[in-house]
């Protein structure tokens, strides 16, 4: 567990999630999917059971090249980052992340703290050499954060997403190589 302060001085902590967090992560995720059009999953598509969420969490915890972090404030999840390492021998050195922060706590440093926590974890684990992520080209704040952490654009999927209003959005793939000692 790592203690942090938001930009406006609110104390929260980041820790690895466990199966006891399953129900709260589901509720948090439902709220996130309903609050933004910057994520691929829609609220209507997100129908996971607590049992299935526990299995997913435990599978991540058992994996040597995967991690699930949550930011907690007042015993509530306010941010989530999952990192899933590839499973094939030839690409097990690569992992992809997904991150989101509660709308009420965006732009307060929580996303950066989650990302920095993951980057430190990756740099300590020899199994992972490359972090990749995908971000909607319209998510300018997230893109700015990733660039500030050293990520580089690797590619672009043109018109990869079609919003409910018919608008197309490109998806940008970004990467960061681990800094090994």
N, C-alpha and C. Protein backbone atom coordinates (compact mmCIF):
# COMPACT_ATOMS: atom_id res chain seq x y z
N UNK A 1 0.85 -1.17 0.00
CA UNK A 1 0.00 0.00 0.00
C UNK A 1 0.90 1.24 0.00
N UNK A 2 0.60 2.16 -0.92
CA UNK A 2 1.40 3.37 -1.05
C UNK A 2 0.49 4.57 -0.83
N UNK A 3 0.84 5.43 0.14
CA UNK A 3 0.05 6.63 0.41
C UNK A 3 0.44 7.75 -0.53
N UNK A 4 -0.56 8.55 -0.93
CA UNK A 4 -0.36 9.66 -1.86
C UNK A 4 -1.24 10.82 -1.44
N UNK A 5 -0.94 11.99 -2.01
CA UNK A 5 -1.79 13.17 -1.87
C UNK A 5 -2.18 13.65 -3.26
N UNK A 6 -3.46 14.03 -3.41
CA UNK A 6 -3.88 14.63 -4.67
C UNK A 6 -3.26 16.03 -4.77
N UNK A 7 -3.39 16.65 -5.94
CA UNK A 7 -2.86 18.00 -6.13
C UNK A 7 -3.47 19.00 -5.15
N UNK A 8 -4.69 18.72 -4.68
CA UNK A 8 -5.33 19.63 -3.73
C UNK A 8 -5.26 19.12 -2.29
N UNK A 9 -4.32 18.18 -2.02
CA UNK A 9 -4.01 17.78 -0.66
C UNK A 9 -4.87 16.70 -0.04
N UNK A 10 -5.68 16.00 -0.83
CA UNK A 10 -6.52 14.92 -0.30
C UNK A 10 -5.70 13.63 -0.27
N UNK A 11 -5.70 12.95 0.87
CA UNK A 11 -4.93 11.73 1.05
C UNK A 11 -5.69 10.51 0.51
N UNK A 12 -4.98 9.68 -0.23
CA UNK A 12 -5.52 8.41 -0.74
C UNK A 12 -4.36 7.43 -0.83
N UNK A 13 -4.67 6.19 -1.10
CA UNK A 13 -3.59 5.22 -1.26
C UNK A 13 -3.84 4.32 -2.46
N UNK A 14 -2.75 3.72 -2.92
CA UNK A 14 -2.78 2.78 -4.04
C UNK A 14 -2.32 1.43 -3.52
N UNK A 15 -3.05 0.41 -3.90
CA UNK A 15 -2.66 -0.95 -3.50
C UNK A 15 -3.08 -1.94 -4.58
N UNK A 16 -2.54 -3.14 -4.45
CA UNK A 16 -2.93 -4.23 -5.33
C UNK A 16 -4.35 -4.67 -4.93
N UNK A 17 -5.20 -4.88 -5.92
CA UNK A 17 -6.56 -5.35 -5.64
C UNK A 17 -6.55 -6.83 -5.30
N UNK A 18 -7.54 -7.25 -4.53
CA UNK A 18 -7.74 -8.67 -4.27
C UNK A 18 -9.21 -9.01 -4.45
N UNK A 19 -9.53 -10.28 -4.31
CA UNK A 19 -10.91 -10.72 -4.61
C UNK A 19 -11.96 -10.06 -3.72
N UNK A 20 -11.57 -9.57 -2.56
CA UNK A 20 -12.52 -8.88 -1.69
C UNK A 20 -12.97 -7.54 -2.28
N UNK A 21 -12.25 -7.05 -3.28
CA UNK A 21 -12.59 -5.79 -3.94
C UNK A 21 -13.53 -6.00 -5.12
N UNK A 22 -13.86 -7.23 -5.45
CA UNK A 22 -14.60 -7.53 -6.68
C UNK A 22 -15.89 -6.73 -6.82
N UNK A 23 -16.73 -6.77 -5.81
CA UNK A 23 -18.02 -6.10 -5.91
C UNK A 23 -17.86 -4.59 -6.08
N UNK A 24 -16.91 -4.00 -5.33
CA UNK A 24 -16.70 -2.57 -5.43
C UNK A 24 -16.10 -2.18 -6.79
N UNK A 25 -15.22 -3.01 -7.32
CA UNK A 25 -14.64 -2.74 -8.65
C UNK A 25 -15.73 -2.80 -9.72
N UNK A 26 -16.64 -3.74 -9.60
CA UNK A 26 -17.75 -3.83 -10.56
C UNK A 26 -18.59 -2.56 -10.51
N UNK A 27 -18.96 -2.13 -9.33
CA UNK A 27 -19.78 -0.91 -9.21
C UNK A 27 -19.03 0.30 -9.73
N UNK A 28 -17.76 0.40 -9.37
CA UNK A 28 -16.92 1.50 -9.85
C UNK A 28 -16.87 1.48 -11.39
N UNK A 29 -16.66 0.31 -11.96
CA UNK A 29 -16.56 0.19 -13.42
C UNK A 29 -17.86 0.58 -14.10
N UNK A 30 -18.98 0.16 -13.54
CA UNK A 30 -20.28 0.56 -14.11
C UNK A 30 -20.41 2.09 -14.14
N UNK A 31 -20.01 2.73 -13.06
CA UNK A 31 -20.07 4.19 -12.99
C UNK A 31 -19.14 4.84 -14.01
N UNK A 32 -17.95 4.29 -14.17
CA UNK A 32 -16.98 4.84 -15.12
C UNK A 32 -17.53 4.71 -16.55
N UNK A 33 -18.01 3.52 -16.90
CA UNK A 33 -18.50 3.30 -18.27
C UNK A 33 -19.69 4.20 -18.59
N UNK A 34 -20.48 4.54 -17.58
CA UNK A 34 -21.64 5.41 -17.78
C UNK A 34 -21.25 6.89 -17.84
N UNK A 35 -20.03 7.21 -17.40
CA UNK A 35 -19.65 8.62 -17.27
C UNK A 35 -18.85 9.18 -18.44
N UNK A 36 -18.43 8.32 -19.38
CA UNK A 36 -17.54 8.79 -20.44
C UNK A 36 -17.77 8.03 -21.74
N UNK A 37 -17.41 8.68 -22.83
CA UNK A 37 -17.40 7.98 -24.12
C UNK A 37 -15.95 7.75 -24.58
N UNK A 38 -15.00 7.87 -23.66
CA UNK A 38 -13.57 7.71 -23.96
C UNK A 38 -13.06 6.29 -23.68
N UNK A 39 -13.97 5.37 -23.39
CA UNK A 39 -13.61 3.97 -23.16
C UNK A 39 -14.35 3.10 -24.16
N UNK A 40 -13.77 1.96 -24.47
CA UNK A 40 -14.35 1.09 -25.47
C UNK A 40 -15.64 0.41 -25.00
N UNK A 41 -15.68 0.02 -23.74
CA UNK A 41 -16.83 -0.69 -23.20
C UNK A 41 -17.97 0.28 -22.90
N UNK A 42 -19.18 -0.12 -23.29
CA UNK A 42 -20.37 0.68 -22.95
C UNK A 42 -21.02 0.10 -21.70
N UNK A 43 -21.81 0.90 -21.00
CA UNK A 43 -22.47 0.39 -19.79
C UNK A 43 -23.35 -0.83 -20.08
N UNK A 44 -23.97 -0.85 -21.25
CA UNK A 44 -24.86 -1.96 -21.61
C UNK A 44 -24.10 -3.27 -21.80
N UNK A 45 -22.84 -3.18 -22.16
CA UNK A 45 -22.02 -4.37 -22.42
C UNK A 45 -21.37 -4.93 -21.16
N UNK A 46 -21.33 -4.15 -20.11
CA UNK A 46 -20.60 -4.55 -18.91
C UNK A 46 -21.55 -5.28 -17.96
N UNK A 47 -21.54 -6.58 -18.05
CA UNK A 47 -22.41 -7.41 -17.23
C UNK A 47 -21.61 -8.56 -16.64
N UNK A 48 -20.75 -8.27 -15.69
CA UNK A 48 -19.90 -9.29 -15.09
C UNK A 48 -20.42 -9.63 -13.71
N UNK A 49 -20.35 -10.89 -13.36
CA UNK A 49 -20.79 -11.32 -12.03
C UNK A 49 -19.64 -11.13 -11.04
N UNK A 50 -19.98 -11.09 -9.78
CA UNK A 50 -18.96 -10.99 -8.73
C UNK A 50 -18.04 -12.20 -8.80
N UNK A 51 -18.60 -13.37 -9.02
CA UNK A 51 -17.78 -14.59 -9.11
C UNK A 51 -16.78 -14.50 -10.26
N UNK A 52 -17.24 -14.02 -11.43
CA UNK A 52 -16.33 -13.88 -12.57
C UNK A 52 -15.27 -12.82 -12.31
N UNK A 53 -15.65 -11.75 -11.64
CA UNK A 53 -14.67 -10.69 -11.31
C UNK A 53 -13.61 -11.23 -10.36
N UNK A 54 -14.02 -12.05 -9.40
CA UNK A 54 -13.06 -12.65 -8.47
C UNK A 54 -12.08 -13.55 -9.22
N UNK A 55 -12.58 -14.31 -10.18
CA UNK A 55 -11.70 -15.17 -10.98
C UNK A 55 -10.69 -14.32 -11.74
N UNK A 56 -11.18 -13.24 -12.38
CA UNK A 56 -10.29 -12.34 -13.13
C UNK A 56 -9.22 -11.75 -12.23
N UNK A 57 -9.62 -11.25 -11.06
CA UNK A 57 -8.66 -10.68 -10.11
C UNK A 57 -7.63 -11.72 -9.69
N UNK A 58 -8.09 -12.91 -9.33
CA UNK A 58 -7.16 -13.95 -8.87
C UNK A 58 -6.22 -14.40 -9.98
N UNK A 59 -6.70 -14.45 -11.22
CA UNK A 59 -5.83 -14.81 -12.34
C UNK A 59 -4.73 -13.76 -12.51
N UNK A 60 -5.06 -12.51 -12.36
CA UNK A 60 -4.04 -11.45 -12.46
C UNK A 60 -3.04 -11.59 -11.32
N UNK A 61 -3.53 -11.82 -10.13
CA UNK A 61 -2.63 -11.94 -8.97
C UNK A 61 -1.68 -13.13 -9.10
N UNK A 62 -2.12 -14.21 -9.74
CA UNK A 62 -1.29 -15.40 -9.92
C UNK A 62 -0.26 -15.23 -11.03
N UNK A 63 -0.51 -14.33 -11.94
CA UNK A 63 0.37 -14.15 -13.09
C UNK A 63 1.61 -13.37 -12.70
N UNK A 64 2.77 -13.82 -13.16
CA UNK A 64 4.02 -13.13 -12.82
C UNK A 64 4.21 -11.86 -13.64
N UNK A 65 3.43 -11.70 -14.72
CA UNK A 65 3.62 -10.52 -15.57
C UNK A 65 2.34 -9.69 -15.73
N UNK A 66 1.49 -9.72 -14.70
CA UNK A 66 0.26 -8.92 -14.71
C UNK A 66 0.07 -8.28 -13.34
N UNK A 67 -0.69 -7.17 -13.32
CA UNK A 67 -0.91 -6.44 -12.07
C UNK A 67 -2.26 -5.73 -12.14
N UNK A 68 -2.90 -5.58 -10.98
CA UNK A 68 -4.16 -4.86 -10.86
C UNK A 68 -4.05 -3.93 -9.66
N UNK A 69 -4.07 -2.62 -9.93
CA UNK A 69 -3.92 -1.61 -8.90
C UNK A 69 -5.21 -0.81 -8.75
N UNK A 70 -5.52 -0.44 -7.52
CA UNK A 70 -6.66 0.43 -7.28
C UNK A 70 -6.23 1.59 -6.38
N UNK A 71 -6.82 2.75 -6.64
CA UNK A 71 -6.64 3.92 -5.78
C UNK A 71 -7.86 3.99 -4.87
N UNK A 72 -7.63 4.19 -3.58
CA UNK A 72 -8.69 4.14 -2.57
C UNK A 72 -8.72 5.46 -1.79
N UNK A 73 -9.92 6.01 -1.65
CA UNK A 73 -10.15 7.19 -0.83
C UNK A 73 -11.42 6.94 -0.02
N UNK A 74 -11.34 7.09 1.28
CA UNK A 74 -12.50 6.84 2.16
C UNK A 74 -13.13 5.47 1.89
N UNK A 75 -12.29 4.46 1.74
CA UNK A 75 -12.71 3.07 1.51
C UNK A 75 -13.48 2.88 0.21
N UNK A 76 -13.32 3.79 -0.75
CA UNK A 76 -13.98 3.68 -2.04
C UNK A 76 -12.93 3.69 -3.15
N UNK A 77 -13.15 2.87 -4.18
CA UNK A 77 -12.26 2.86 -5.34
C UNK A 77 -12.50 4.15 -6.12
N UNK A 78 -11.41 4.88 -6.38
CA UNK A 78 -11.50 6.12 -7.16
C UNK A 78 -10.61 6.06 -8.40
N UNK A 79 -9.89 4.95 -8.57
CA UNK A 79 -9.05 4.77 -9.74
C UNK A 79 -8.68 3.31 -9.87
N UNK A 80 -8.46 2.89 -11.11
CA UNK A 80 -8.15 1.48 -11.36
C UNK A 80 -7.18 1.39 -12.55
N UNK A 81 -6.20 0.54 -12.41
CA UNK A 81 -5.26 0.27 -13.49
C UNK A 81 -5.03 -1.23 -13.56
N UNK A 82 -5.25 -1.81 -14.72
CA UNK A 82 -4.91 -3.21 -14.90
C UNK A 82 -3.84 -3.32 -15.97
N UNK A 83 -2.94 -4.25 -15.75
CA UNK A 83 -1.83 -4.50 -16.66
C UNK A 83 -1.79 -6.00 -16.90
N UNK A 84 -1.96 -6.39 -18.15
CA UNK A 84 -2.03 -7.80 -18.50
C UNK A 84 -0.85 -8.16 -19.39
N UNK A 85 0.02 -9.03 -18.89
CA UNK A 85 1.15 -9.50 -19.68
C UNK A 85 0.69 -10.52 -20.70
N UNK A 86 1.33 -10.49 -21.85
CA UNK A 86 1.02 -11.47 -22.89
C UNK A 86 1.41 -12.87 -22.42
N UNK A 87 0.76 -13.88 -22.96
CA UNK A 87 0.94 -15.25 -22.47
C UNK A 87 1.78 -16.15 -23.36
N UNK A 88 1.97 -15.79 -24.61
CA UNK A 88 2.77 -16.60 -25.52
C UNK A 88 4.25 -16.37 -25.23
N UNK A 89 5.07 -17.38 -25.39
CA UNK A 89 6.49 -17.29 -25.08
C UNK A 89 7.18 -16.15 -25.83
N UNK A 90 6.79 -15.92 -27.07
CA UNK A 90 7.48 -14.93 -27.88
C UNK A 90 7.09 -13.49 -27.57
N UNK A 91 5.97 -13.28 -26.89
CA UNK A 91 5.62 -11.90 -26.55
C UNK A 91 5.27 -11.70 -25.07
N UNK A 92 5.73 -12.63 -24.23
CA UNK A 92 5.46 -12.52 -22.79
C UNK A 92 6.20 -11.35 -22.15
N UNK A 93 7.10 -10.74 -22.88
CA UNK A 93 7.83 -9.57 -22.37
C UNK A 93 7.03 -8.27 -22.55
N UNK A 94 5.84 -8.36 -23.13
CA UNK A 94 4.99 -7.21 -23.42
C UNK A 94 3.70 -7.32 -22.61
N UNK A 95 3.24 -6.19 -22.11
CA UNK A 95 1.96 -6.16 -21.41
C UNK A 95 1.18 -4.92 -21.79
N UNK A 96 -0.14 -5.02 -21.74
CA UNK A 96 -1.00 -3.90 -22.09
C UNK A 96 -1.76 -3.43 -20.86
N UNK A 97 -1.91 -2.13 -20.75
CA UNK A 97 -2.60 -1.58 -19.60
C UNK A 97 -3.89 -0.89 -19.98
N UNK A 98 -4.77 -0.81 -19.00
CA UNK A 98 -5.97 -0.01 -19.07
C UNK A 98 -6.06 0.76 -17.77
N UNK A 99 -6.48 2.01 -17.85
CA UNK A 99 -6.53 2.85 -16.65
C UNK A 99 -7.74 3.77 -16.73
N UNK A 100 -8.32 4.05 -15.58
CA UNK A 100 -9.38 5.05 -15.49
C UNK A 100 -9.42 5.62 -14.08
N UNK A 101 -9.91 6.84 -14.00
CA UNK A 101 -10.02 7.54 -12.72
C UNK A 101 -11.44 8.10 -12.63
N UNK A 102 -12.02 8.01 -11.45
CA UNK A 102 -13.36 8.54 -11.20
C UNK A 102 -13.43 9.98 -11.70
N UNK A 103 -14.51 10.35 -12.41
CA UNK A 103 -14.61 11.71 -12.95
C UNK A 103 -14.42 12.82 -11.92
N UNK A 104 -14.84 12.59 -10.70
CA UNK A 104 -14.69 13.60 -9.66
C UNK A 104 -13.26 13.79 -9.18
N UNK A 105 -12.35 12.90 -9.61
CA UNK A 105 -10.96 12.97 -9.16
C UNK A 105 -9.97 13.06 -10.32
N UNK A 106 -10.47 13.29 -11.52
CA UNK A 106 -9.57 13.44 -12.66
C UNK A 106 -8.82 14.76 -12.55
N UNK A 107 -7.63 14.79 -13.13
CA UNK A 107 -6.75 15.97 -13.12
C UNK A 107 -6.27 16.33 -11.72
N UNK A 108 -6.22 15.35 -10.82
CA UNK A 108 -5.72 15.59 -9.47
C UNK A 108 -4.42 14.83 -9.19
N UNK A 109 -3.90 14.12 -10.18
CA UNK A 109 -2.65 13.39 -10.01
C UNK A 109 -2.81 11.90 -9.75
N UNK A 110 -4.04 11.43 -9.64
CA UNK A 110 -4.27 10.01 -9.33
C UNK A 110 -3.87 9.13 -10.52
N UNK A 111 -4.23 9.53 -11.72
CA UNK A 111 -3.83 8.76 -12.90
C UNK A 111 -2.32 8.67 -13.01
N UNK A 112 -1.63 9.78 -12.81
CA UNK A 112 -0.17 9.78 -12.85
C UNK A 112 0.40 8.86 -11.78
N UNK A 113 -0.15 8.92 -10.56
CA UNK A 113 0.35 8.07 -9.48
C UNK A 113 0.15 6.60 -9.79
N UNK A 114 -1.01 6.24 -10.35
CA UNK A 114 -1.24 4.85 -10.75
C UNK A 114 -0.23 4.42 -11.82
N UNK A 115 -0.03 5.28 -12.82
CA UNK A 115 0.92 4.95 -13.89
C UNK A 115 2.35 4.82 -13.35
N UNK A 116 2.76 5.74 -12.49
CA UNK A 116 4.11 5.68 -11.92
C UNK A 116 4.30 4.44 -11.06
N UNK A 117 3.25 4.05 -10.34
CA UNK A 117 3.31 2.82 -9.53
C UNK A 117 3.51 1.61 -10.43
N UNK A 118 2.77 1.56 -11.54
CA UNK A 118 2.94 0.46 -12.48
C UNK A 118 4.33 0.47 -13.10
N UNK A 119 4.79 1.62 -13.53
CA UNK A 119 6.12 1.70 -14.17
C UNK A 119 7.21 1.22 -13.21
N UNK A 120 7.13 1.62 -11.93
CA UNK A 120 8.11 1.12 -10.94
C UNK A 120 8.02 -0.40 -10.83
N UNK A 121 6.80 -0.93 -10.80
CA UNK A 121 6.61 -2.39 -10.70
C UNK A 121 7.24 -3.08 -11.92
N UNK A 122 6.96 -2.56 -13.11
CA UNK A 122 7.50 -3.15 -14.34
C UNK A 122 9.03 -3.11 -14.32
N UNK A 123 9.60 -1.99 -13.90
CA UNK A 123 11.05 -1.85 -13.89
C UNK A 123 11.72 -2.83 -12.93
N UNK A 124 11.01 -3.32 -11.94
CA UNK A 124 11.54 -4.30 -10.99
C UNK A 124 11.33 -5.75 -11.45
N UNK A 125 10.48 -5.95 -12.45
CA UNK A 125 10.16 -7.30 -12.91
C UNK A 125 10.80 -7.56 -14.26
N UNK A 126 11.76 -8.45 -14.28
CA UNK A 126 12.49 -8.73 -15.51
C UNK A 126 11.61 -9.34 -16.60
N UNK A 127 10.47 -9.87 -16.22
CA UNK A 127 9.60 -10.52 -17.21
C UNK A 127 9.04 -9.52 -18.22
N UNK A 128 8.85 -8.26 -17.82
CA UNK A 128 8.23 -7.26 -18.69
C UNK A 128 9.29 -6.29 -19.20
N UNK A 129 9.31 -6.09 -20.52
CA UNK A 129 10.24 -5.15 -21.13
C UNK A 129 9.52 -4.00 -21.82
N UNK A 130 8.24 -4.17 -22.14
CA UNK A 130 7.52 -3.16 -22.90
C UNK A 130 6.08 -3.04 -22.40
N UNK A 131 5.66 -1.80 -22.14
CA UNK A 131 4.29 -1.49 -21.76
C UNK A 131 3.61 -0.88 -22.97
N UNK A 132 2.42 -1.36 -23.29
CA UNK A 132 1.65 -0.76 -24.38
C UNK A 132 0.26 -0.37 -23.86
N UNK A 133 -0.33 0.59 -24.53
CA UNK A 133 -1.68 1.01 -24.20
C UNK A 133 -2.33 1.55 -25.46
N UNK A 134 -3.64 1.60 -25.43
CA UNK A 134 -4.41 2.22 -26.50
C UNK A 134 -5.28 3.30 -25.89
N UNK A 135 -5.38 4.43 -26.60
CA UNK A 135 -6.13 5.57 -26.09
C UNK A 135 -6.88 6.21 -27.25
N UNK A 136 -8.10 6.64 -26.99
CA UNK A 136 -8.86 7.36 -28.02
C UNK A 136 -8.11 8.64 -28.36
N UNK A 137 -8.01 8.98 -29.64
CA UNK A 137 -7.30 10.18 -30.07
C UNK A 137 -7.96 11.45 -29.53
N UNK A 138 -9.20 11.35 -29.10
CA UNK A 138 -9.92 12.49 -28.53
C UNK A 138 -9.66 12.68 -27.04
N UNK A 139 -8.97 11.74 -26.40
CA UNK A 139 -8.70 11.80 -24.97
C UNK A 139 -7.38 12.56 -24.74
N UNK A 140 -7.43 13.86 -24.96
CA UNK A 140 -6.21 14.68 -24.98
C UNK A 140 -5.51 14.73 -23.63
N UNK A 141 -6.25 14.75 -22.53
CA UNK A 141 -5.62 14.78 -21.21
C UNK A 141 -4.83 13.50 -20.94
N UNK A 142 -5.39 12.36 -21.31
CA UNK A 142 -4.69 11.09 -21.12
C UNK A 142 -3.44 11.04 -21.99
N UNK A 143 -3.57 11.46 -23.24
CA UNK A 143 -2.42 11.45 -24.16
C UNK A 143 -1.30 12.33 -23.61
N UNK A 144 -1.66 13.50 -23.10
CA UNK A 144 -0.66 14.41 -22.51
C UNK A 144 0.05 13.72 -21.34
N UNK A 145 -0.71 13.05 -20.49
CA UNK A 145 -0.12 12.33 -19.36
C UNK A 145 0.86 11.27 -19.86
N UNK A 146 0.44 10.46 -20.82
CA UNK A 146 1.31 9.38 -21.30
C UNK A 146 2.60 9.91 -21.90
N UNK A 147 2.51 10.96 -22.70
CA UNK A 147 3.73 11.57 -23.24
C UNK A 147 4.64 12.06 -22.12
N UNK A 148 4.05 12.67 -21.09
CA UNK A 148 4.86 13.21 -19.99
C UNK A 148 5.59 12.10 -19.22
N UNK A 149 5.07 10.88 -19.30
CA UNK A 149 5.70 9.74 -18.63
C UNK A 149 6.70 9.02 -19.54
N UNK A 150 6.86 9.51 -20.76
CA UNK A 150 7.85 8.94 -21.67
C UNK A 150 7.28 8.00 -22.73
N UNK A 151 5.97 7.83 -22.76
CA UNK A 151 5.37 6.97 -23.79
C UNK A 151 5.53 7.63 -25.16
N UNK A 152 5.60 6.79 -26.17
CA UNK A 152 5.70 7.25 -27.55
C UNK A 152 4.57 6.61 -28.36
N UNK A 153 4.14 7.33 -29.40
CA UNK A 153 3.12 6.79 -30.28
C UNK A 153 3.75 5.72 -31.16
N UNK A 154 3.08 4.57 -31.22
CA UNK A 154 3.57 3.46 -32.03
C UNK A 154 2.73 3.28 -33.29
N UNK A 155 1.48 3.65 -33.22
CA UNK A 155 0.61 3.48 -34.37
C UNK A 155 -0.75 4.08 -34.11
N UNK A 156 -1.53 4.09 -35.16
CA UNK A 156 -2.87 4.67 -35.09
C UNK A 156 -3.83 3.76 -35.86
N UNK A 157 -4.94 3.47 -35.23
CA UNK A 157 -6.00 2.71 -35.86
C UNK A 157 -7.08 3.72 -36.29
N UNK A 158 -7.14 3.99 -37.57
CA UNK A 158 -8.02 5.02 -38.10
C UNK A 158 -9.47 4.55 -38.06
N UNK A 159 -10.35 5.42 -37.56
CA UNK A 159 -11.78 5.14 -37.42
C UNK A 159 -12.02 3.80 -36.72
N UNK A 160 -11.25 3.52 -35.70
CA UNK A 160 -11.36 2.25 -34.98
C UNK A 160 -12.58 2.17 -34.09
N UNK A 161 -13.11 3.33 -33.70
CA UNK A 161 -14.26 3.39 -32.81
C UNK A 161 -15.35 4.21 -33.48
N UNK A 162 -16.57 3.72 -33.35
CA UNK A 162 -17.72 4.49 -33.83
C UNK A 162 -18.61 4.78 -32.63
N UNK A 163 -18.68 6.05 -32.27
CA UNK A 163 -19.47 6.47 -31.12
C UNK A 163 -20.96 6.32 -31.42
N UNK A 164 -21.78 6.36 -30.37
CA UNK A 164 -23.24 6.23 -30.54
C UNK A 164 -23.82 7.29 -31.47
N UNK A 165 -23.19 8.47 -31.50
CA UNK A 165 -23.69 9.55 -32.35
C UNK A 165 -23.21 9.43 -33.81
N UNK A 166 -22.48 8.34 -34.11
CA UNK A 166 -22.00 8.11 -35.47
C UNK A 166 -20.62 8.66 -35.75
N UNK A 167 -20.07 9.40 -34.80
CA UNK A 167 -18.73 9.97 -34.97
C UNK A 167 -17.67 8.87 -34.86
N UNK A 168 -16.69 8.92 -35.76
CA UNK A 168 -15.57 7.98 -35.71
C UNK A 168 -14.42 8.59 -34.91
N UNK A 169 -13.70 7.72 -34.23
CA UNK A 169 -12.55 8.14 -33.43
C UNK A 169 -11.39 7.22 -33.73
N UNK A 170 -10.22 7.81 -33.95
CA UNK A 170 -9.01 7.01 -34.11
C UNK A 170 -8.56 6.52 -32.73
N UNK A 171 -7.87 5.40 -32.71
CA UNK A 171 -7.26 4.88 -31.49
C UNK A 171 -5.75 4.91 -31.69
N UNK A 172 -5.06 5.49 -30.73
CA UNK A 172 -3.61 5.59 -30.78
C UNK A 172 -3.00 4.52 -29.89
N UNK A 173 -2.04 3.78 -30.43
CA UNK A 173 -1.29 2.82 -29.62
C UNK A 173 0.01 3.49 -29.21
N UNK A 174 0.33 3.38 -27.91
CA UNK A 174 1.54 3.99 -27.36
C UNK A 174 2.33 2.92 -26.62
N UNK A 175 3.62 3.20 -26.44
CA UNK A 175 4.48 2.23 -25.75
C UNK A 175 5.51 2.94 -24.89
N UNK A 176 6.05 2.19 -23.94
CA UNK A 176 7.16 2.61 -23.11
C UNK A 176 8.00 1.38 -22.83
N UNK A 177 9.30 1.49 -23.06
CA UNK A 177 10.20 0.40 -22.72
C UNK A 177 10.57 0.51 -21.24
N UNK A 178 10.66 -0.62 -20.58
CA UNK A 178 11.04 -0.64 -19.18
C UNK A 178 12.50 -0.20 -19.03
N UNK A 179 12.78 0.45 -17.92
CA UNK A 179 14.16 0.88 -17.62
C UNK A 179 14.75 -0.16 -16.67
N UNK A 180 15.55 -1.02 -17.20
CA UNK A 180 16.15 -2.09 -16.38
C UNK A 180 17.50 -1.64 -15.87
N UNK A 181 17.77 -1.96 -14.60
CA UNK A 181 19.05 -1.59 -13.99
C UNK A 181 20.20 -2.40 -14.53
